[in-house]
Amino acid sequence: MKQFLFITDLDYTLVGDDQAMAKLNERLKVHRQTHHTKIVYSTGRSLYLYQKLTDEKTLLEPDVLICAVGTEIYYSGSNTPDSKWSDKLSEGWDKSLVVQISEVFPKLKLQPESEQRPFKVSYFLEEKISRDFLSDLESRLLEQGLDIQVIYSLGSSAHINSLSGVYEQGKDLEIPVLDILPRKANKGMAMTFVRENLEIDVAQTVACGDSGNDISLFADRKEKGIIVGNAKQELLEWHKAHPNENRYLAKANFATGIEEGLEYFGFL
């Protein structure tokens, strides 16, 4: 065995079964000590909500933290986001204009201020929405010269619970959420940026996820990918429509599914 780059989503991927996560954490801890494996968390949470999660759950200290759906990158020991990544995202982005245009869509309800980040505008939705709604919203933003993307996903009830100080283990209310980001920002692009900075081969990189905002982690097709058994329907449908031998759909849920995939690819 040798060093690899381990990148994982948190809510309902790594986090969801405390006992399973503790078991996987121990194996990853030993692998990092022995082979200098790098651990990266890639989460839709803001830095604030990530820190709340670390108060509630026993997580390994990551080498790199990717927050806010790929828009912020923090290295171990620093609370300042990577300035080179921020500069890259600033081109074609105007947060105030994004908010102004989005206000005409009554279905969009702004998430709390802690979740509104320099390169991310986030909304809750009262109900699931159609592709036409997403296309209309994106078209209006693009018409104003904004270089953006709209990411729609389900199963983010943990974010709401965390804002109220509660994390309901294993419970998924499938609350629709929508994020508007610079087009150059998502979990997948942030993963590539980090991997290149760490100088780790793409063949020694594995990403894990469970929902729609994790699709970009698997879209490049070069890295290994693990989809946990409890994955949301939008990710499962995408996986079925875009088959790839480098991607593994686990039978087990949460951290046990990650461990299953890591063993399948020979990383553990």
C-alpha atoms as a PDB file:
ATOM      1  CA  MET A   1       0.000   0.000   0.000  1.00  0.00           C
ATOM      2  CA  LYS A   2       1.082   3.603  -0.572  1.00  0.00           C
ATOM      3  CA  GLN A   3      -0.015   7.191  -0.126  1.00  0.00           C
ATOM      4  CA  PHE A   4      -3.364   8.263  -1.540  1.00  0.00           C
ATOM      5  CA  LEU A   5      -5.522  11.379  -1.502  1.00  0.00           C
ATOM      6  CA  PHE A   6      -8.805  10.741   0.320  1.00  0.00           C
ATOM      7  CA  ILE A   7     -11.561  13.286  -0.320  1.00  0.00           C
ATOM      8  CA  THR A   8     -14.991  12.895   1.231  1.00  0.00           C
ATOM      9  CA  ASP A   9     -18.230  14.737   1.709  1.00  0.00           C
ATOM     10  CA  LEU A  10     -19.343  14.868   5.352  1.00  0.00           C
ATOM     11  CA  ASP A  11     -23.119  14.840   5.961  1.00  0.00           C
ATOM     12  CA  TYR A  12     -24.640  11.441   5.130  1.00  0.00           C
ATOM     13  CA  THR A  13     -21.350  10.263   3.601  1.00  0.00           C
ATOM     14  CA  LEU A  14     -18.622  10.103   6.247  1.00  0.00           C
ATOM     15  CA  VAL A  15     -21.012  11.258   8.977  1.00  0.00           C
ATOM     16  CA  GLY A  16     -24.173   9.297   9.699  1.00  0.00           C
ATOM     17  CA  ASP A  17     -23.094   6.250  11.710  1.00  0.00           C
ATOM     18  CA  ASP A  18     -20.799   7.138  14.613  1.00  0.00           C
ATOM     19  CA  GLN A  19     -19.523   3.607  15.193  1.00  0.00           C
ATOM     20  CA  ALA A  20     -18.721   3.041  11.520  1.00  0.00           C
ATOM     21  CA  MET A  21     -16.994   6.418  11.285  1.00  0.00           C
ATOM     22  CA  ALA A  22     -14.824   5.662  14.330  1.00  0.00           C
ATOM     23  CA  LYS A  23     -13.714   2.381  12.730  1.00  0.00           C
ATOM     24  CA  LEU A  24     -12.865   4.034   9.412  1.00  0.00           C
ATOM     25  CA  ASN A  25     -11.146   6.947  11.170  1.00  0.00           C
ATOM     26  CA  GLU A  26      -8.816   4.564  12.961  1.00  0.00           C
ATOM     27  CA  ARG A  27      -7.799   2.876   9.700  1.00  0.00           C
ATOM     28  CA  LEU A  28      -7.272   6.222   7.965  1.00  0.00           C
ATOM     29  CA  LYS A  29      -5.285   7.554  10.915  1.00  0.00           C
ATOM     30  CA  VAL A  30      -2.890   4.601  10.751  1.00  0.00           C
ATOM     31  CA  HIS A  31      -2.611   4.887   6.958  1.00  0.00           C
ATOM     32  CA  ARG A  32      -1.788   8.591   7.216  1.00  0.00           C
ATOM     33  CA  GLN A  33       0.890   7.913   9.836  1.00  0.00           C
ATOM     34  CA  THR A  34       2.392   5.067   7.816  1.00  0.00           C
ATOM     35  CA  HIS A  35       2.013   6.223   4.204  1.00  0.00           C
ATOM     36  CA  HIS A  36       1.462  10.009   4.524  1.00  0.00           C
ATOM     37  CA  THR A  37      -2.019   9.719   3.039  1.00  0.00           C
ATOM     38  CA  LYS A  38      -3.791  13.087   2.826  1.00  0.00           C
ATOM     39  CA  ILE A  39      -7.311  13.549   4.203  1.00  0.00           C
ATOM     40  CA  VAL A  40      -9.560  16.205   2.668  1.00  0.00           C
ATOM     41  CA  TYR A  41     -13.123  17.062   3.676  1.00  0.00           C
ATOM     42  CA  SER A  42     -15.284  18.584   0.955  1.00  0.00           C
ATOM     43  CA  THR A  43     -18.545  19.884   2.350  1.00  0.00           C
ATOM     44  CA  GLY A  44     -21.421  22.152   1.483  1.00  0.00           C
ATOM     45  CA  ARG A  45     -21.179  23.535   5.010  1.00  0.00           C
ATOM     46  CA  SER A  46     -19.652  26.915   5.738  1.00  0.00           C
ATOM     47  CA  LEU A  47     -16.588  27.053   7.980  1.00  0.00           C
ATOM     48  CA  TYR A  48     -18.948  28.015  10.827  1.00  0.00           C
ATOM     49  CA  LEU A  49     -21.159  24.950  10.367  1.00  0.00           C
ATOM     50  CA  TYR A  50     -18.141  22.708   9.883  1.00  0.00           C
ATOM     51  CA  GLN A  51     -16.779  23.875  13.227  1.00  0.00           C
ATOM     52  CA  LYS A  52     -20.156  23.150  14.821  1.00  0.00           C
ATOM     53  CA  LEU A  53     -20.008  19.636  13.401  1.00  0.00           C
ATOM     54  CA  THR A  54     -16.559  19.079  14.913  1.00  0.00           C
ATOM     55  CA  ASP A  55     -18.050  19.958  18.304  1.00  0.00           C
ATOM     56  CA  GLU A  56     -20.710  17.278  17.831  1.00  0.00           C
ATOM     57  CA  LYS A  57     -18.788  14.519  16.058  1.00  0.00           C
ATOM     58  CA  THR A  58     -15.311  13.012  16.389  1.00  0.00           C
ATOM     59  CA  LEU A  59     -13.611  13.796  13.091  1.00  0.00           C
ATOM     60  CA  LEU A  60      -9.965  13.393  12.171  1.00  0.00           C
ATOM     61  CA  GLU A  61      -8.174  16.692  11.628  1.00  0.00           C
ATOM     62  CA  PRO A  62      -8.086  17.078   7.829  1.00  0.00           C
ATOM     63  CA  ASP A  63      -5.018  18.118   5.891  1.00  0.00           C
ATOM     64  CA  VAL A  64      -7.280  20.300   3.764  1.00  0.00           C
ATOM     65  CA  LEU A  65     -10.856  21.515   4.239  1.00  0.00           C
ATOM     66  CA  ILE A  66     -12.962  22.440   1.213  1.00  0.00           C
ATOM     67  CA  CYS A  67     -16.018  24.388   2.390  1.00  0.00           C
ATOM     68  CA  ALA A  68     -19.120  25.996   0.965  1.00  0.00           C
ATOM     69  CA  VAL A  69     -19.555  23.677  -2.037  1.00  0.00           C
ATOM     70  CA  GLY A  70     -15.994  24.080  -3.286  1.00  0.00           C
ATOM     71  CA  THR A  71     -15.743  27.867  -2.977  1.00  0.00           C
ATOM     72  CA  GLU A  72     -13.327  28.015  -0.014  1.00  0.00           C
ATOM     73  CA  ILE A  73     -10.158  25.994   0.627  1.00  0.00           C
ATOM     74  CA  TYR A  74      -8.444  25.924   4.025  1.00  0.00           C
ATOM     75  CA  TYR A  75      -5.176  24.192   4.843  1.00  0.00           C
ATOM     76  CA  SER A  76      -4.514  22.596   8.216  1.00  0.00           C
ATOM     77  CA  GLY A  77      -3.756  25.183  10.889  1.00  0.00           C
ATOM     78  CA  SER A  78      -5.207  28.136   8.955  1.00  0.00           C
ATOM     79  CA  ASN A  79      -8.583  29.898   9.112  1.00  0.00           C
ATOM     80  CA  THR A  80      -7.762  31.965   6.032  1.00  0.00           C
ATOM     81  CA  PRO A  81      -8.991  30.631   2.676  1.00  0.00           C
ATOM     82  CA  ASP A  82      -6.487  29.976  -0.114  1.00  0.00           C
ATOM     83  CA  SER A  83      -6.094  33.360  -1.848  1.00  0.00           C
ATOM     84  CA  LYS A  84      -5.095  31.859  -5.214  1.00  0.00           C
ATOM     85  CA  TRP A  85      -8.350  29.896  -5.322  1.00  0.00           C
ATOM     86  CA  SER A  86     -10.352  32.979  -4.308  1.00  0.00           C
ATOM     87  CA  ASP A  87      -8.702  35.053  -7.050  1.00  0.00           C
ATOM     88  CA  LYS A  88      -9.565  32.358  -9.580  1.00  0.00           C
ATOM     89  CA  LEU A  89     -13.250  32.475  -8.597  1.00  0.00           C
ATOM     90  CA  SER A  90     -13.615  36.257  -8.608  1.00  0.00           C
ATOM     91  CA  GLU A  91     -13.647  36.556 -12.415  1.00  0.00           C
ATOM     92  CA  GLY A  92     -17.203  37.027 -13.695  1.00  0.00           C
ATOM     93  CA  TRP A  93     -18.712  36.971 -10.193  1.00  0.00           C
ATOM     94  CA  ASP A  94     -20.865  39.684  -8.568  1.00  0.00           C
ATOM     95  CA  LYS A  95     -22.578  38.448  -5.418  1.00  0.00           C
ATOM     96  CA  SER A  96     -24.839  41.475  -4.955  1.00  0.00           C
ATOM     97  CA  LEU A  97     -26.120  41.172  -8.525  1.00  0.00           C
ATOM     98  CA  VAL A  98     -26.786  37.447  -8.030  1.00  0.00           C
ATOM     99  CA  VAL A  99     -28.913  38.223  -4.956  1.00  0.00           C
ATOM    100  CA  GLN A 100     -30.732  41.050  -6.728  1.00  0.00           C
ATOM    101  CA  ILE A 101     -31.722  38.923  -9.719  1.00  0.00           C
ATOM    102  CA  SER A 102     -32.713  35.944  -7.570  1.00  0.00           C
ATOM    103  CA  GLU A 103     -35.091  38.059  -5.478  1.00  0.00           C
ATOM    104  CA  VAL A 104     -37.708  37.904  -8.254  1.00  0.00           C
ATOM    105  CA  PHE A 105     -38.096  34.146  -7.674  1.00  0.00           C
ATOM    106  CA  PRO A 106     -40.446  33.765  -4.668  1.00  0.00           C
ATOM    107  CA  LYS A 107     -39.706  30.037  -4.301  1.00  0.00           C
ATOM    108  CA  LEU A 108     -36.168  30.896  -3.185  1.00  0.00           C
ATOM    109  CA  LYS A 109     -35.708  31.506   0.549  1.00  0.00           C
ATOM    110  CA  LEU A 110     -32.289  32.757   1.611  1.00  0.00           C
ATOM    111  CA  GLN A 111     -30.409  30.512   4.010  1.00  0.00           C
ATOM    112  CA  PRO A 112     -28.998  32.074   7.231  1.00  0.00           C
ATOM    113  CA  GLU A 113     -26.280  34.700   6.926  1.00  0.00           C
ATOM    114  CA  SER A 114     -23.586  32.246   8.018  1.00  0.00           C
ATOM    115  CA  GLU A 115     -24.235  30.281   4.801  1.00  0.00           C
ATOM    116  CA  GLN A 116     -23.954  33.286   2.489  1.00  0.00           C
ATOM    117  CA  ARG A 117     -20.287  33.239   1.551  1.00  0.00           C
ATOM    118  CA  PRO A 118     -18.152  35.520  -0.654  1.00  0.00           C
ATOM    119  CA  PHE A 119     -18.518  33.105  -3.581  1.00  0.00           C
ATOM    120  CA  LYS A 120     -21.760  31.327  -2.678  1.00  0.00           C
ATOM    121  CA  VAL A 121     -25.391  32.406  -2.441  1.00  0.00           C
ATOM    122  CA  SER A 122     -27.567  29.702  -0.892  1.00  0.00           C
ATOM    123  CA  TYR A 123     -31.310  29.178  -0.693  1.00  0.00           C
ATOM    124  CA  PHE A 124     -33.798  26.802   0.832  1.00  0.00           C
ATOM    125  CA  LEU A 125     -36.782  25.773  -1.281  1.00  0.00           C
ATOM    126  CA  GLU A 126     -40.243  25.011   0.047  1.00  0.00           C
ATOM    127  CA  GLU A 127     -40.696  22.233  -2.489  1.00  0.00           C
ATOM    128  CA  LYS A 128     -38.853  20.331  -5.190  1.00  0.00           C
ATOM    129  CA  ILE A 129     -38.520  22.314  -8.386  1.00  0.00           C
ATOM    130  CA  SER A 130     -38.503  21.554 -12.101  1.00  0.00           C
ATOM    131  CA  ARG A 131     -35.624  21.684 -14.557  1.00  0.00           C
ATOM    132  CA  ASP A 132     -37.446  24.553 -16.290  1.00  0.00           C
ATOM    133  CA  PHE A 133     -37.241  26.619 -13.100  1.00  0.00           C
ATOM    134  CA  LEU A 134     -33.494  26.008 -12.860  1.00  0.00           C
ATOM    135  CA  SER A 135     -32.977  26.842 -16.539  1.00  0.00           C
ATOM    136  CA  ASP A 136     -34.955  30.078 -16.201  1.00  0.00           C
ATOM    137  CA  LEU A 137     -32.989  31.166 -13.133  1.00  0.00           C
ATOM    138  CA  GLU A 138     -29.646  30.343 -14.722  1.00  0.00           C
ATOM    139  CA  SER A 139     -30.573  32.087 -17.984  1.00  0.00           C
ATOM    140  CA  ARG A 140     -31.485  35.317 -16.192  1.00  0.00           C
ATOM    141  CA  LEU A 141     -28.186  35.311 -14.329  1.00  0.00           C
ATOM    142  CA  LEU A 142     -26.153  34.580 -17.462  1.00  0.00           C
ATOM    143  CA  GLU A 143     -27.957  37.344 -19.370  1.00  0.00           C
ATOM    144  CA  GLN A 144     -26.415  39.829 -16.942  1.00  0.00           C
ATOM    145  CA  GLY A 145     -22.913  38.678 -17.840  1.00  0.00           C
ATOM    146  CA  LEU A 146     -22.423  36.581 -14.721  1.00  0.00           C
ATOM    147  CA  ASP A 147     -20.223  33.500 -15.108  1.00  0.00           C
ATOM    148  CA  ILE A 148     -22.192  31.303 -12.702  1.00  0.00           C
ATOM    149  CA  GLN A 149     -23.646  27.860 -12.143  1.00  0.00           C
ATOM    150  CA  VAL A 150     -26.729  26.727 -10.252  1.00  0.00           C
ATOM    151  CA  ILE A 151     -26.495  23.576  -8.127  1.00  0.00           C
ATOM    152  CA  TYR A 152     -29.676  21.930  -6.863  1.00  0.00           C
ATOM    153  CA  SER A 153     -29.599  19.094  -4.351  1.00  0.00           C
ATOM    154  CA  LEU A 154     -31.636  17.303  -1.689  1.00  0.00           C
ATOM    155  CA  GLY A 155     -31.023  15.862   1.736  1.00  0.00           C
ATOM    156  CA  SER A 156     -29.486  18.854   3.482  1.00  0.00           C
ATOM    157  CA  SER A 157     -31.643  18.716   6.599  1.00  0.00           C
ATOM    158  CA  ALA A 158     -28.452  18.309   8.647  1.00  0.00           C
ATOM    159  CA  HIS A 159     -27.560  21.885   7.772  1.00  0.00           C
ATOM    160  CA  ILE A 160     -30.844  23.141   9.195  1.00  0.00           C
ATOM    161  CA  ASN A 161     -30.526  20.984  12.277  1.00  0.00           C
ATOM    162  CA  SER A 162     -26.981  22.220  12.856  1.00  0.00           C
ATOM    163  CA  LEU A 163     -28.100  25.823  12.727  1.00  0.00           C
ATOM    164  CA  SER A 164     -30.468  25.038  15.586  1.00  0.00           C
ATOM    165  CA  GLY A 165     -27.830  23.033  17.432  1.00  0.00           C
ATOM    166  CA  VAL A 166     -29.277  19.600  16.624  1.00  0.00           C
ATOM    167  CA  TYR A 167     -27.943  16.807  14.420  1.00  0.00           C
ATOM    168  CA  GLU A 168     -30.420  13.969  13.859  1.00  0.00           C
ATOM    169  CA  GLN A 169     -28.308  10.915  13.124  1.00  0.00           C
ATOM    170  CA  GLY A 170     -29.347   9.031  10.022  1.00  0.00           C
ATOM    171  CA  LYS A 171     -32.511  11.089   9.547  1.00  0.00           C
ATOM    172  CA  ASP A 172     -32.938  12.639   6.115  1.00  0.00           C
ATOM    173  CA  LEU A 173     -35.792  15.059   5.538  1.00  0.00           C
ATOM    174  CA  GLU A 174     -34.732  15.617   1.901  1.00  0.00           C
ATOM    175  CA  ILE A 175     -35.105  19.376   2.072  1.00  0.00           C
ATOM    176  CA  PRO A 176     -34.327  20.982  -1.312  1.00  0.00           C
ATOM    177  CA  VAL A 177     -31.460  23.470  -1.386  1.00  0.00           C
ATOM    178  CA  LEU A 178     -30.019  25.594  -4.159  1.00  0.00           C
ATOM    179  CA  ASP A 179     -26.554  27.133  -4.408  1.00  0.00           C
ATOM    180  CA  ILE A 180     -25.404  29.743  -6.913  1.00  0.00           C
ATOM    181  CA  LEU A 181     -21.643  29.708  -7.422  1.00  0.00           C
ATOM    182  CA  PRO A 182     -19.020  31.000  -9.856  1.00  0.00           C
ATOM    183  CA  ARG A 183     -18.819  28.607 -12.802  1.00  0.00           C
ATOM    184  CA  LYS A 184     -15.215  27.799 -11.915  1.00  0.00           C
ATOM    185  CA  ALA A 185     -16.203  26.688  -8.413  1.00  0.00           C
ATOM    186  CA  ASN A 186     -17.518  23.327  -7.346  1.00  0.00           C
ATOM    187  CA  LYS A 187     -16.307  20.389  -5.307  1.00  0.00           C
ATOM    188  CA  GLY A 188     -14.692  18.735  -8.312  1.00  0.00           C
ATOM    189  CA  MET A 189     -12.685  21.760  -9.444  1.00  0.00           C
ATOM    190  CA  ALA A 190     -11.574  22.420  -5.869  1.00  0.00           C
ATOM    191  CA  MET A 191     -10.498  18.778  -5.614  1.00  0.00           C
ATOM    192  CA  THR A 192      -8.335  19.122  -8.733  1.00  0.00           C
ATOM    193  CA  PHE A 193      -6.801  22.357  -7.433  1.00  0.00           C
ATOM    194  CA  VAL A 194      -5.914  20.729  -4.098  1.00  0.00           C
ATOM    195  CA  ARG A 195      -4.624  17.530  -5.718  1.00  0.00           C
ATOM    196  CA  GLU A 196      -2.295  19.491  -7.985  1.00  0.00           C
ATOM    197  CA  ASN A 197      -1.047  21.591  -5.053  1.00  0.00           C
ATOM    198  CA  LEU A 198      -0.329  18.436  -3.057  1.00  0.00           C
ATOM    199  CA  GLU A 199       1.293  16.841  -6.125  1.00  0.00           C
ATOM    200  CA  ILE A 200      -0.573  13.549  -5.785  1.00  0.00           C
ATOM    201  CA  ASP A 201      -1.257  11.456  -8.882  1.00  0.00           C
ATOM    202  CA  VAL A 202      -4.846  11.315 -10.094  1.00  0.00           C
ATOM    203  CA  ALA A 203      -4.699   7.506  -9.995  1.00  0.00           C
ATOM    204  CA  GLN A 204      -4.037   7.741  -6.248  1.00  0.00           C
ATOM    205  CA  THR A 205      -7.048   9.979  -5.621  1.00  0.00           C
ATOM    206  CA  VAL A 206     -10.453   8.839  -4.380  1.00  0.00           C
ATOM    207  CA  ALA A 207     -13.580  10.928  -3.755  1.00  0.00           C
ATOM    208  CA  CYS A 208     -16.702   9.952  -1.798  1.00  0.00           C
ATOM    209  CA  GLY A 209     -20.202  11.421  -1.844  1.00  0.00           C
ATOM    210  CA  ASP A 210     -23.943  10.915  -1.513  1.00  0.00           C
ATOM    211  CA  SER A 211     -25.878  13.751  -3.179  1.00  0.00           C
ATOM    212  CA  GLY A 212     -26.290  16.044  -6.162  1.00  0.00           C
ATOM    213  CA  ASN A 213     -23.692  18.558  -5.066  1.00  0.00           C
ATOM    214  CA  ASP A 214     -21.130  15.723  -5.099  1.00  0.00           C
ATOM    215  CA  ILE A 215     -21.587  14.969  -8.811  1.00  0.00           C
ATOM    216  CA  SER A 216     -18.645  17.184  -9.747  1.00  0.00           C
ATOM    217  CA  LEU A 217     -16.385  14.991  -7.581  1.00  0.00           C
ATOM    218  CA  PHE A 218     -17.092  12.120  -9.975  1.00  0.00           C
ATOM    219  CA  ALA A 219     -17.498  13.949 -13.292  1.00  0.00           C
ATOM    220  CA  ASP A 220     -13.808  14.028 -14.307  1.00  0.00           C
ATOM    221  CA  ARG A 221     -13.759  10.185 -14.516  1.00  0.00           C
ATOM    222  CA  LYS A 222     -10.026   9.998 -13.750  1.00  0.00           C
ATOM    223  CA  GLU A 223     -10.129   9.877  -9.963  1.00  0.00           C
ATOM    224  CA  LYS A 224     -11.610   6.868  -8.219  1.00  0.00           C
ATOM    225  CA  GLY A 225     -15.102   7.522  -6.890  1.00  0.00           C
ATOM    226  CA  ILE A 226     -17.170   5.954  -4.110  1.00  0.00           C
ATOM    227  CA  ILE A 227     -20.917   6.529  -3.907  1.00  0.00           C
ATOM    228  CA  VAL A 228     -22.256   5.380  -0.550  1.00  0.00           C
ATOM    229  CA  GLY A 229     -25.211   3.002  -0.414  1.00  0.00           C
ATOM    230  CA  ASN A 230     -27.546   5.625   1.064  1.00  0.00           C
ATOM    231  CA  ALA A 231     -26.972   8.039  -1.852  1.00  0.00           C
ATOM    232  CA  LYS A 232     -29.751  10.395  -2.938  1.00  0.00           C
ATOM    233  CA  GLN A 233     -31.813   9.694  -6.027  1.00  0.00           C
ATOM    234  CA  GLU A 234     -30.360  12.564  -8.073  1.00  0.00           C
ATOM    235  CA  LEU A 235     -26.833  11.157  -7.688  1.00  0.00           C
ATOM    236  CA  LEU A 236     -27.947   7.580  -8.389  1.00  0.00           C
ATOM    237  CA  GLU A 237     -29.696   8.679 -11.578  1.00  0.00           C
ATOM    238  CA  TRP A 238     -26.599  10.575 -12.715  1.00  0.00           C
ATOM    239  CA  HIS A 239     -24.393   7.571 -11.913  1.00  0.00           C
ATOM    240  CA  LYS A 240     -26.630   5.306 -13.986  1.00  0.00           C
ATOM    241  CA  ALA A 241     -26.615   7.738 -16.923  1.00  0.00           C
ATOM    242  CA  HIS A 242     -22.823   8.212 -16.783  1.00  0.00           C
ATOM    243  CA  PRO A 243     -21.269   4.799 -16.036  1.00  0.00           C
ATOM    244  CA  ASN A 244     -17.557   4.700 -15.268  1.00  0.00           C
ATOM    245  CA  GLU A 245     -15.314   1.823 -14.206  1.00  0.00           C
ATOM    246  CA  ASN A 246     -13.458   4.151 -11.823  1.00  0.00           C
ATOM    247  CA  ARG A 247     -16.642   4.711  -9.811  1.00  0.00           C
ATOM    248  CA  TYR A 248     -17.955   2.262  -7.211  1.00  0.00           C
ATOM    249  CA  LEU A 249     -21.503   2.148  -5.839  1.00  0.00           C
ATOM    250  CA  ALA A 250     -21.258   0.728  -2.337  1.00  0.00           C
ATOM    251  CA  LYS A 251     -23.817  -1.611  -0.837  1.00  0.00           C
ATOM    252  CA  ALA A 252     -23.261  -0.293   2.692  1.00  0.00           C
ATOM    253  CA  ASN A 253     -24.232   3.134   4.004  1.00  0.00           C
ATOM    254  CA  PHE A 254     -22.195   6.050   5.352  1.00  0.00           C
ATOM    255  CA  ALA A 255     -18.611   5.325   6.537  1.00  0.00           C
ATOM    256  CA  THR A 256     -19.063   1.572   6.100  1.00  0.00           C
ATOM    257  CA  GLY A 257     -19.786   2.220   2.422  1.00  0.00           C
ATOM    258  CA  ILE A 258     -16.643   4.335   2.153  1.00  0.00           C
ATOM    259  CA  GLU A 259     -14.587   1.575   3.761  1.00  0.00           C
ATOM    260  CA  GLU A 260     -16.121  -0.949   1.354  1.00  0.00           C
ATOM    261  CA  GLY A 261     -15.105   1.208  -1.602  1.00  0.00           C
ATOM    262  CA  LEU A 262     -11.586   1.850  -0.329  1.00  0.00           C
ATOM    263  CA  GLU A 263     -11.078  -1.895   0.010  1.00  0.00           C
ATOM    264  CA  TYR A 264     -12.538  -2.475  -3.466  1.00  0.00           C
ATOM    265  CA  PHE A 265      -9.998  -0.086  -5.017  1.00  0.00           C
ATOM    266  CA  GLY A 266      -7.151  -1.458  -2.901  1.00  0.00           C
ATOM    267  CA  PHE A 267      -6.465   1.731  -0.945  1.00  0.00           C
ATOM    268  CA  LEU A 268      -7.079  -0.045   2.372  1.00  0.00           C
END
